Amino acid sequence: MSNPDRPTHTERETTTVVTDGGGGGAVWFLIGAVVVALIIGGYFYTGGDFFGGGNKTIDVNVDVPKVEPAN
């Protein structure tokens, strides 16, 4: 059974800690650095033409010397 001499109400002290969300700035800096590196890498990978709008023509003319057939 229950003890009638036991107190029915207890006082508790509560502490609430609130942070302002500062921090994590280094993570955002690293993410930004990776994005910039990907953009620069993509620029070099595509030869500076991201959208393919450049009309590039490559003409290759090779003069081959004439060789007499072997007997």
C-alpha atoms as a PDB file:
ATOM      1  CA  MET A   1       0.000   0.000   0.000  1.00  0.00           C
ATOM      2  CA  SER A   2       1.000   3.640  -0.184  1.00  0.00           C
ATOM      3  CA  ASN A   3       2.795   5.475   2.571  1.00  0.00           C
ATOM      4  CA  PRO A   4       0.588   8.306   3.935  1.00  0.00           C
ATOM      5  CA  ASP A   5       3.619  10.154   5.372  1.00  0.00           C
ATOM      6  CA  ARG A   6       5.233  10.510   1.944  1.00  0.00           C
ATOM      7  CA  PRO A   7       5.025  14.022   0.406  1.00  0.00           C
ATOM      8  CA  THR A   8       2.676  14.202  -2.552  1.00  0.00           C
ATOM      9  CA  HIS A   9       4.328  17.134  -4.307  1.00  0.00           C
ATOM     10  CA  THR A  10       8.020  17.565  -5.143  1.00  0.00           C
ATOM     11  CA  GLU A  11       9.748  20.727  -6.298  1.00  0.00           C
ATOM     12  CA  ARG A  12      12.108  20.415  -9.235  1.00  0.00           C
ATOM     13  CA  GLU A  13      14.474  22.958 -10.660  1.00  0.00           C
ATOM     14  CA  THR A  14      14.564  23.158 -14.447  1.00  0.00           C
ATOM     15  CA  THR A  15      17.322  24.764 -16.483  1.00  0.00           C
ATOM     16  CA  THR A  16      16.737  25.645 -20.144  1.00  0.00           C
ATOM     17  CA  VAL A  17      19.703  26.327 -22.412  1.00  0.00           C
ATOM     18  CA  VAL A  18      19.035  28.311 -25.581  1.00  0.00           C
ATOM     19  CA  THR A  19      21.658  28.719 -28.286  1.00  0.00           C
ATOM     20  CA  ASP A  20      21.520  31.224 -31.099  1.00  0.00           C
ATOM     21  CA  GLY A  21      22.555  28.739 -33.776  1.00  0.00           C
ATOM     22  CA  GLY A  22      25.977  30.303 -34.302  1.00  0.00           C
ATOM     23  CA  GLY A  23      28.457  27.772 -35.511  1.00  0.00           C
ATOM     24  CA  GLY A  24      28.509  25.543 -38.521  1.00  0.00           C
ATOM     25  CA  GLY A  25      30.021  28.407 -40.488  1.00  0.00           C
ATOM     26  CA  ALA A  26      33.040  26.313 -41.361  1.00  0.00           C
ATOM     27  CA  VAL A  27      30.781  23.669 -42.908  1.00  0.00           C
ATOM     28  CA  TRP A  28      29.104  26.270 -45.142  1.00  0.00           C
ATOM     29  CA  PHE A  29      32.516  27.637 -46.102  1.00  0.00           C
ATOM     30  CA  LEU A  30      33.689  24.158 -47.160  1.00  0.00           C
ATOM     31  CA  ILE A  31      30.500  23.530 -49.129  1.00  0.00           C
ATOM     32  CA  GLY A  32      30.995  26.846 -50.920  1.00  0.00           C
ATOM     33  CA  ALA A  33      34.613  25.983 -51.690  1.00  0.00           C
ATOM     34  CA  VAL A  34      33.569  22.633 -53.179  1.00  0.00           C
ATOM     35  CA  VAL A  35      30.904  24.296 -55.345  1.00  0.00           C
ATOM     36  CA  VAL A  36      33.402  26.870 -56.632  1.00  0.00           C
ATOM     37  CA  ALA A  37      35.936  24.111 -57.354  1.00  0.00           C
ATOM     38  CA  LEU A  38      33.300  22.159 -59.314  1.00  0.00           C
ATOM     39  CA  ILE A  39      32.377  25.216 -61.360  1.00  0.00           C
ATOM     40  CA  ILE A  40      36.012  25.963 -62.181  1.00  0.00           C
ATOM     41  CA  GLY A  41      36.668  22.300 -62.997  1.00  0.00           C
ATOM     42  CA  GLY A  42      33.619  22.224 -65.259  1.00  0.00           C
ATOM     43  CA  TYR A  43      34.840  25.354 -67.023  1.00  0.00           C
ATOM     44  CA  PHE A  44      38.186  23.730 -67.807  1.00  0.00           C
ATOM     45  CA  TYR A  45      36.571  20.379 -68.658  1.00  0.00           C
ATOM     46  CA  THR A  46      34.315  21.978 -71.271  1.00  0.00           C
ATOM     47  CA  GLY A  47      37.076  24.173 -72.624  1.00  0.00           C
ATOM     48  CA  GLY A  48      35.396  27.348 -71.421  1.00  0.00           C
ATOM     49  CA  ASP A  49      32.192  26.677 -73.338  1.00  0.00           C
ATOM     50  CA  PHE A  50      29.527  25.615 -70.824  1.00  0.00           C
ATOM     51  CA  PHE A  51      26.510  25.868 -73.089  1.00  0.00           C
ATOM     52  CA  GLY A  52      27.920  24.596 -76.380  1.00  0.00           C
ATOM     53  CA  GLY A  53      27.002  27.800 -78.199  1.00  0.00           C
ATOM     54  CA  GLY A  54      30.397  28.307 -79.786  1.00  0.00           C
ATOM     55  CA  ASN A  55      30.840  27.277 -83.405  1.00  0.00           C
ATOM     56  CA  LYS A  56      34.243  25.694 -83.424  1.00  0.00           C
ATOM     57  CA  THR A  57      35.606  24.280 -86.627  1.00  0.00           C
ATOM     58  CA  ILE A  58      38.760  22.243 -86.678  1.00  0.00           C
ATOM     59  CA  ASP A  59      40.340  21.601 -90.071  1.00  0.00           C
ATOM     60  CA  VAL A  60      43.253  19.234 -90.236  1.00  0.00           C
ATOM     61  CA  ASN A  61      45.192  18.950 -93.483  1.00  0.00           C
ATOM     62  CA  VAL A  62      47.980  16.413 -93.547  1.00  0.00           C
ATOM     63  CA  ASP A  63      50.291  16.135 -96.528  1.00  0.00           C
ATOM     64  CA  VAL A  64      51.563  12.582 -96.788  1.00  0.00           C
ATOM     65  CA  PRO A  65      54.720  12.076 -98.822  1.00  0.00           C
ATOM     66  CA  LYS A  66      54.404   9.782-101.828  1.00  0.00           C
ATOM     67  CA  VAL A  67      56.373   6.566-101.486  1.00  0.00           C
ATOM     68  CA  GLU A  68      57.317   4.262-104.344  1.00  0.00           C
ATOM     69  CA  PRO A  69      55.968   0.732-103.935  1.00  0.00           C
ATOM     70  CA  ALA A  70      58.530  -1.891-102.940  1.00  0.00           C
ATOM     71  CA  ASN A  71      59.420  -4.557-105.596  1.00  0.00           C
END
